[in-house]
C-alpha atoms as a PDB file:
ATOM      1  CA  MET A   1       0.269  -0.382  -0.012  1.00  0.00           C
ATOM      2  CA  LEU A   2       1.385   3.565  -1.137  1.00  0.00           C
ATOM      3  CA  ILE A   3      -0.017   6.995   1.058  1.00  0.00           C
ATOM      4  CA  LEU A   4       0.208   9.618  -1.117  1.00  0.00           C
ATOM      5  CA  THR A   5      -0.368  12.751   1.145  1.00  0.00           C
ATOM      6  CA  MET A   6      -1.565  15.566   0.619  1.00  0.00           C
ATOM      7  CA  ASP A   7       0.879  18.080  -0.650  1.00  0.00           C
ATOM      8  CA  GLU A   8       2.178  14.863  -2.876  1.00  0.00           C
ATOM      9  CA  ILE A   9      -1.688  15.118  -4.293  1.00  0.00           C
ATOM     10  CA  VAL A  10      -1.723  19.315  -4.795  1.00  0.00           C
ATOM     11  CA  ASN A  11       1.805  18.862  -6.659  1.00  0.00           C
ATOM     12  CA  ALA A  12       0.092  15.452  -8.825  1.00  0.00           C
ATOM     13  CA  ILE A  13      -2.675  18.421 -10.104  1.00  0.00           C
ATOM     14  CA  CYS A  14      -0.643  21.116 -10.365  1.00  0.00           C
ATOM     15  CA  LEU A  15       0.883  19.028 -12.915  1.00  0.00           C
ATOM     16  CA  HIS A  16      -2.196  17.783 -14.736  1.00  0.00           C
ATOM     17  CA  THR A  17      -3.824  20.607 -14.520  1.00  0.00           C
ATOM     18  CA  ALA A  18       0.033  22.755 -16.379  1.00  0.00           C
ATOM     19  CA  GLU A  19       0.408  19.676 -18.608  1.00  0.00           C
ATOM     20  CA  ARG A  20      -2.580  20.103 -19.957  1.00  0.00           C
ATOM     21  CA  LYS A  21      -3.394  24.486 -20.446  1.00  0.00           C
ATOM     22  CA  GLN A  22       0.599  24.092 -21.740  1.00  0.00           C
ATOM     23  CA  ILE A  23       1.705  26.117 -18.507  1.00  0.00           C
ATOM     24  CA  ARG A  24       4.094  25.980 -15.948  1.00  0.00           C
ATOM     25  CA  PRO A  25       2.912  23.838 -12.780  1.00  0.00           C
ATOM     26  CA  THR A  26       3.984  26.921 -10.241  1.00  0.00           C
ATOM     27  CA  ASP A  27       1.415  29.076 -11.851  1.00  0.00           C
ATOM     28  CA  VAL A  28      -1.698  26.538 -10.888  1.00  0.00           C
ATOM     29  CA  GLN A  29      -2.648  26.555  -7.327  1.00  0.00           C
ATOM     30  CA  VAL A  30      -4.753  24.402  -5.502  1.00  0.00           C
ATOM     31  CA  GLU A  31      -7.744  23.929  -2.919  1.00  0.00           C
ATOM     32  CA  LEU A  32      -8.034  20.783  -1.504  1.00  0.00           C
ATOM     33  CA  SER A  33     -11.946  19.998   0.453  1.00  0.00           C
ATOM     34  CA  TRP A  34     -14.497  17.748   1.137  1.00  0.00           C
ATOM     35  CA  GLU A  35     -17.844  18.317   1.975  1.00  0.00           C
ATOM     36  CA  GLU A  36     -20.814  15.306   2.894  1.00  0.00           C
ATOM     37  CA  GLU A  37     -23.272  16.960  -0.207  1.00  0.00           C
ATOM     38  CA  THR A  38     -20.466  16.317  -3.186  1.00  0.00           C
ATOM     39  CA  GLY A  39     -17.963  14.608  -1.498  1.00  0.00           C
ATOM     40  CA  TYR A  40     -14.396  14.820  -2.565  1.00  0.00           C
ATOM     41  CA  SER A  41     -13.195  17.685  -5.175  1.00  0.00           C
ATOM     42  CA  ALA A  42     -11.024  20.539  -5.451  1.00  0.00           C
ATOM     43  CA  GLU A  43     -10.711  24.051  -7.061  1.00  0.00           C
ATOM     44  CA  VAL A  44      -8.351  25.319  -9.150  1.00  0.00           C
ATOM     45  CA  TRP A  45      -6.876  28.689 -10.120  1.00  0.00           C
ATOM     46  CA  ALA A  46      -4.385  28.675 -13.336  1.00  0.00           C
ATOM     47  CA  GLN A  47      -4.755  31.839 -16.523  1.00  0.00           C
ATOM     48  CA  GLY A  48      -6.565  33.951 -13.921  1.00  0.00           C
ATOM     49  CA  ARG A  49     -10.138  31.149 -13.720  1.00  0.00           C
ATOM     50  CA  SER A  50     -10.852  28.860 -11.844  1.00  0.00           C
ATOM     51  CA  GLN A  51     -12.755  25.540 -11.611  1.00  0.00           C
ATOM     52  CA  TYR A  52     -13.828  23.183 -10.093  1.00  0.00           C
ATOM     53  CA  LEU A  53     -12.475  19.393 -10.143  1.00  0.00           C
ATOM     54  CA  VAL A  54     -14.446  16.251  -8.874  1.00  0.00           C
ATOM     55  CA  GLU A  55     -13.213  13.189  -7.518  1.00  0.00           C
ATOM     56  CA  SER A  56     -12.781  11.062 -10.348  1.00  0.00           C
ATOM     57  CA  ASN A  57     -10.330  13.954 -11.930  1.00  0.00           C
ATOM     58  CA  MET A  58      -8.922  14.060  -9.424  1.00  0.00           C
ATOM     59  CA  ILE A  59      -7.991  10.414  -9.573  1.00  0.00           C
ATOM     60  CA  GLU A  60      -6.676  10.837 -13.185  1.00  0.00           C
ATOM     61  CA  ALA A  61      -4.600  13.397 -12.195  1.00  0.00           C
ATOM     62  CA  ILE A  62      -3.360  11.012  -9.024  1.00  0.00           C
ATOM     63  CA  LEU A  63      -2.925   7.923 -12.464  1.00  0.00           C
ATOM     64  CA  ARG A  64      -1.248  10.284 -14.256  1.00  0.00           C
ATOM     65  CA  TYR A  65       2.053  11.431 -11.083  1.00  0.00           C
ATOM     66  CA  LEU A  66       1.973   7.678 -10.225  1.00  0.00           C
ATOM     67  CA  TYR A  67       3.432   7.413 -13.019  1.00  0.00           C
ATOM     68  CA  SER A  68       5.498  10.599 -13.783  1.00  0.00           C
ATOM     69  CA  GLU A  69       6.591  10.513 -10.192  1.00  0.00           C
ATOM     70  CA  TYR A  70       7.164   6.752  -8.891  1.00  0.00           C
ATOM     71  CA  ASN A  71       7.400   4.661 -12.103  1.00  0.00           C
ATOM     72  CA  ILE A  72       3.828   3.322 -11.446  1.00  0.00           C
ATOM     73  CA  ARG A  73       0.800   2.302 -13.616  1.00  0.00           C
ATOM     74  CA  ALA A  74      -2.255   2.168 -11.917  1.00  0.00           C
ATOM     75  CA  TYR A  75      -5.939   1.522 -11.928  1.00  0.00           C
ATOM     76  CA  ARG A  76      -8.720   3.815 -10.884  1.00  0.00           C
ATOM     77  CA  GLU A  77     -10.193   1.226  -8.857  1.00  0.00           C
ATOM     78  CA  GLN A  78      -7.084   0.685  -6.907  1.00  0.00           C
ATOM     79  CA  VAL A  79      -6.545   4.870  -6.281  1.00  0.00           C
ATOM     80  CA  THR A  80      -8.911   5.612  -2.768  1.00  0.00           C
ATOM     81  CA  LEU A  81      -9.840   9.410  -1.218  1.00  0.00           C
ATOM     82  CA  ASP A  82      -9.173   8.946   2.306  1.00  0.00           C
ATOM     83  CA  LEU A  83     -10.238  12.285   4.702  1.00  0.00           C
ATOM     84  CA  ASP A  84      -8.321  11.903   8.442  1.00  0.00           C
ATOM     85  CA  GLU A  85      -6.196  15.035   9.523  1.00  0.00           C
ATOM     86  CA  GLU A  86      -5.816  15.770   5.320  1.00  0.00           C
ATOM     87  CA  ILE A  87      -6.821  14.257   2.236  1.00  0.00           C
ATOM     88  CA  THR A  88      -4.376  11.659   1.412  1.00  0.00           C
ATOM     89  CA  ALA A  89      -4.759   9.088  -1.227  1.00  0.00           C
ATOM     90  CA  HIS A  90      -3.733   4.940  -0.395  1.00  0.00           C
ATOM     91  CA  VAL A  91      -2.829   3.097  -3.500  1.00  0.00           C
ATOM     92  CA  ASP A  92      -3.402  -0.558  -3.309  1.00  0.00           C
ATOM     93  CA  VAL A  93      -0.193  -1.904  -5.431  1.00  0.00           C
ATOM     94  CA  GLU A  94       3.037  -3.540  -4.302  1.00  0.00           C
ATOM     95  CA  VAL A  95       5.525  -0.680  -2.474  1.00  0.00           C
ATOM     96  CA  GLU A  96       8.423  -2.711  -4.048  1.00  0.00           C
ATOM     97  CA  GLN A  97       6.988  -1.000  -7.285  1.00  0.00           C
ATOM     98  CA  ALA A  98       7.027   2.232  -6.191  1.00  0.00           C
ATOM     99  CA  TYR A  99      11.396   1.842  -6.046  1.00  0.00           C
END
């Protein structure tokens, strides 16, 4: 089991958004949230605009991050978001895959 911190989730979304919009990751700001009615979401600011990502979009960014940063190919079903003191992502893969 691999656990991504909230900072890593934010990095994943920044990298994903920057790649899609062809801007620098440092030009992207992200705020993660969880609400009982809507679940997990991220508000993303880029190029002077704000947009919301739902959980499935967040997981898509995490999957790309896992591949680019850890060389791990994971499936959507292997990633679950969790909220304790902060939002984390639990990835059901062998830890050795990450190294």
